[in-house]
Amino acid sequence: MLGAEELIPIFILVLLLFGANKLPELARSMGSAMGEFKKAQIASEQNLREFETSIKEPTIAKSKIQETAEKLRIDIKGKTDDQLLNEIQKAAEKPKEVSEP
């Protein structure tokens, strides 16, 4: 951090460059800029936390192939979509058992 010995020459330089009339306006604009920076920092930290949470807890959506396989009572655990498609095709090719009245 800057100490008093460093701040005094900086303050004098700013006073000479901008004049006494512009100092309050300059201070206000610096304050609002700092506030906006702080808001953006908080928002980005929140987004980062949400992203980290989403990576740790992935949501696995079932594909249409998996949903179809489940409807046909095909076990989907550990099977790829290609394997499931083959089983769905086999199930579709089987003739349906006709129940007699």
C-alpha atoms as a PDB file:
ATOM      1  CA  MET A   1       0.000   0.000   0.000  1.00  0.00           C
ATOM      2  CA  LEU A   2       0.980   3.594  -0.499  1.00  0.00           C
ATOM      3  CA  GLY A   3       2.041   5.516   2.553  1.00  0.00           C
ATOM      4  CA  ALA A   4       1.466   9.196   3.398  1.00  0.00           C
ATOM      5  CA  GLU A   5       4.818  10.164   1.891  1.00  0.00           C
ATOM      6  CA  GLU A   6       3.763   8.797  -1.496  1.00  0.00           C
ATOM      7  CA  LEU A   7       0.148  10.038  -1.368  1.00  0.00           C
ATOM      8  CA  ILE A   8       0.966  13.706  -0.696  1.00  0.00           C
ATOM      9  CA  PRO A   9       2.961  14.260  -3.923  1.00  0.00           C
ATOM     10  CA  ILE A  10       0.314  12.351  -5.908  1.00  0.00           C
ATOM     11  CA  PHE A  11      -2.459  14.489  -4.405  1.00  0.00           C
ATOM     12  CA  ILE A  12      -0.545  17.705  -5.220  1.00  0.00           C
ATOM     13  CA  LEU A  13       0.031  16.535  -8.802  1.00  0.00           C
ATOM     14  CA  VAL A  14      -3.681  15.727  -9.242  1.00  0.00           C
ATOM     15  CA  LEU A  15      -4.611  19.103  -7.763  1.00  0.00           C
ATOM     16  CA  LEU A  16      -2.309  20.885 -10.229  1.00  0.00           C
ATOM     17  CA  LEU A  17      -3.525  18.880 -13.224  1.00  0.00           C
ATOM     18  CA  PHE A  18      -7.272  19.038 -12.608  1.00  0.00           C
ATOM     19  CA  GLY A  19      -7.740  22.071 -10.364  1.00  0.00           C
ATOM     20  CA  ALA A  20      -9.679  22.390  -7.125  1.00  0.00           C
ATOM     21  CA  ASN A  21     -13.061  22.689  -8.889  1.00  0.00           C
ATOM     22  CA  LYS A  22     -12.747  19.305 -10.644  1.00  0.00           C
ATOM     23  CA  LEU A  23     -11.574  17.288  -7.617  1.00  0.00           C
ATOM     24  CA  PRO A  24     -15.070  16.468  -6.211  1.00  0.00           C
ATOM     25  CA  GLU A  25     -16.270  15.374  -9.660  1.00  0.00           C
ATOM     26  CA  LEU A  26     -13.129  13.296 -10.143  1.00  0.00           C
ATOM     27  CA  ALA A  27     -13.564  11.680  -6.711  1.00  0.00           C
ATOM     28  CA  ARG A  28     -17.220  10.833  -7.484  1.00  0.00           C
ATOM     29  CA  SER A  29     -16.367   9.264 -10.819  1.00  0.00           C
ATOM     30  CA  MET A  30     -13.533   7.262  -9.249  1.00  0.00           C
ATOM     31  CA  GLY A  31     -15.871   6.106  -6.490  1.00  0.00           C
ATOM     32  CA  SER A  32     -18.558   4.998  -8.928  1.00  0.00           C
ATOM     33  CA  ALA A  33     -15.937   3.239 -11.062  1.00  0.00           C
ATOM     34  CA  MET A  34     -14.666   1.385  -7.992  1.00  0.00           C
ATOM     35  CA  GLY A  35     -18.245   0.402  -7.116  1.00  0.00           C
ATOM     36  CA  GLU A  36     -18.885  -0.932 -10.626  1.00  0.00           C
ATOM     37  CA  PHE A  37     -15.606  -2.834 -10.524  1.00  0.00           C
ATOM     38  CA  LYS A  38     -16.544  -4.406  -7.201  1.00  0.00           C
ATOM     39  CA  LYS A  39     -19.984  -5.429  -8.551  1.00  0.00           C
ATOM     40  CA  ALA A  40     -18.391  -7.003 -11.629  1.00  0.00           C
ATOM     41  CA  GLN A  41     -15.874  -8.823  -9.428  1.00  0.00           C
ATOM     42  CA  ILE A  42     -18.621 -10.249  -7.221  1.00  0.00           C
ATOM     43  CA  ALA A  43     -20.675 -11.306 -10.259  1.00  0.00           C
ATOM     44  CA  SER A  44     -17.713 -13.051 -11.880  1.00  0.00           C
ATOM     45  CA  GLU A  45     -16.855 -14.857  -8.631  1.00  0.00           C
ATOM     46  CA  GLN A  46     -20.480 -16.034  -8.385  1.00  0.00           C
ATOM     47  CA  ASN A  47     -20.399 -17.283 -11.996  1.00  0.00           C
ATOM     48  CA  LEU A  48     -17.152 -19.117 -11.302  1.00  0.00           C
ATOM     49  CA  ARG A  49     -18.633 -20.815  -8.219  1.00  0.00           C
ATOM     50  CA  GLU A  50     -21.713 -21.876 -10.218  1.00  0.00           C
ATOM     51  CA  PHE A  51     -19.506 -23.242 -13.000  1.00  0.00           C
ATOM     52  CA  GLU A  52     -17.373 -25.210 -10.524  1.00  0.00           C
ATOM     53  CA  THR A  53     -20.523 -26.635  -8.953  1.00  0.00           C
ATOM     54  CA  SER A  54     -21.893 -27.675 -12.337  1.00  0.00           C
ATOM     55  CA  ILE A  55     -18.637 -29.474 -13.139  1.00  0.00           C
ATOM     56  CA  LYS A  56     -18.614 -31.334  -9.820  1.00  0.00           C
ATOM     57  CA  GLU A  57     -22.248 -32.427 -10.160  1.00  0.00           C
ATOM     58  CA  PRO A  58     -22.837 -33.231 -13.820  1.00  0.00           C
ATOM     59  CA  THR A  59     -26.397 -33.700 -14.899  1.00  0.00           C
ATOM     60  CA  ILE A  60     -26.745 -36.623 -17.238  1.00  0.00           C
ATOM     61  CA  ALA A  61     -29.650 -36.300 -19.589  1.00  0.00           C
ATOM     62  CA  LYS A  62     -30.945 -39.448 -21.196  1.00  0.00           C
ATOM     63  CA  SER A  63     -30.864 -39.531 -24.945  1.00  0.00           C
ATOM     64  CA  LYS A  64     -33.933 -40.401 -26.975  1.00  0.00           C
ATOM     65  CA  ILE A  65     -32.316 -43.757 -27.723  1.00  0.00           C
ATOM     66  CA  GLN A  66     -31.977 -44.514 -24.007  1.00  0.00           C
ATOM     67  CA  GLU A  67     -35.564 -43.449 -23.345  1.00  0.00           C
ATOM     68  CA  THR A  68     -36.816 -45.669 -26.169  1.00  0.00           C
ATOM     69  CA  ALA A  69     -34.764 -48.600 -24.898  1.00  0.00           C
ATOM     70  CA  GLU A  70     -36.217 -48.189 -21.397  1.00  0.00           C
ATOM     71  CA  LYS A  71     -39.751 -48.161 -22.830  1.00  0.00           C
ATOM     72  CA  LEU A  72     -38.952 -51.458 -24.534  1.00  0.00           C
ATOM     73  CA  ARG A  73     -37.645 -52.777 -21.204  1.00  0.00           C
ATOM     74  CA  ILE A  74     -34.053 -53.026 -22.440  1.00  0.00           C
ATOM     75  CA  ASP A  75     -31.343 -52.673 -19.813  1.00  0.00           C
ATOM     76  CA  ILE A  76     -29.366 -49.510 -20.647  1.00  0.00           C
ATOM     77  CA  LYS A  77     -26.646 -49.691 -18.000  1.00  0.00           C
ATOM     78  CA  GLY A  78     -23.125 -49.661 -19.441  1.00  0.00           C
ATOM     79  CA  LYS A  79     -24.300 -49.730 -23.057  1.00  0.00           C
ATOM     80  CA  THR A  80     -23.511 -47.238 -25.764  1.00  0.00           C
ATOM     81  CA  ASP A  81     -26.174 -45.688 -27.951  1.00  0.00           C
ATOM     82  CA  ASP A  82     -25.035 -47.868 -30.859  1.00  0.00           C
ATOM     83  CA  GLN A  83     -25.494 -51.014 -28.780  1.00  0.00           C
ATOM     84  CA  LEU A  84     -28.901 -49.830 -27.670  1.00  0.00           C
ATOM     85  CA  LEU A  85     -29.898 -49.093 -31.272  1.00  0.00           C
ATOM     86  CA  ASN A  86     -29.000 -52.645 -32.250  1.00  0.00           C
ATOM     87  CA  GLU A  87     -31.119 -54.033 -29.423  1.00  0.00           C
ATOM     88  CA  ILE A  88     -34.019 -51.733 -30.322  1.00  0.00           C
ATOM     89  CA  GLN A  89     -33.832 -52.904 -33.939  1.00  0.00           C
ATOM     90  CA  LYS A  90     -33.818 -56.544 -32.809  1.00  0.00           C
ATOM     91  CA  ALA A  91     -36.827 -55.873 -30.602  1.00  0.00           C
ATOM     92  CA  ALA A  92     -38.649 -54.213 -33.489  1.00  0.00           C
ATOM     93  CA  GLU A  93     -37.943 -57.160 -35.805  1.00  0.00           C
ATOM     94  CA  LYS A  94     -39.377 -59.735 -33.400  1.00  0.00           C
ATOM     95  CA  PRO A  95     -42.913 -60.673 -34.311  1.00  0.00           C
ATOM     96  CA  LYS A  96     -45.365 -59.668 -31.673  1.00  0.00           C
ATOM     97  CA  GLU A  97     -46.948 -62.498 -29.818  1.00  0.00           C
ATOM     98  CA  VAL A  98     -50.613 -62.621 -30.623  1.00  0.00           C
ATOM     99  CA  SER A  99     -52.723 -63.334 -27.617  1.00  0.00           C
ATOM    100  CA  GLU A 100     -55.737 -65.440 -28.355  1.00  0.00           C
ATOM    101  CA  PRO A 101     -59.088 -64.358 -26.972  1.00  0.00           C
END
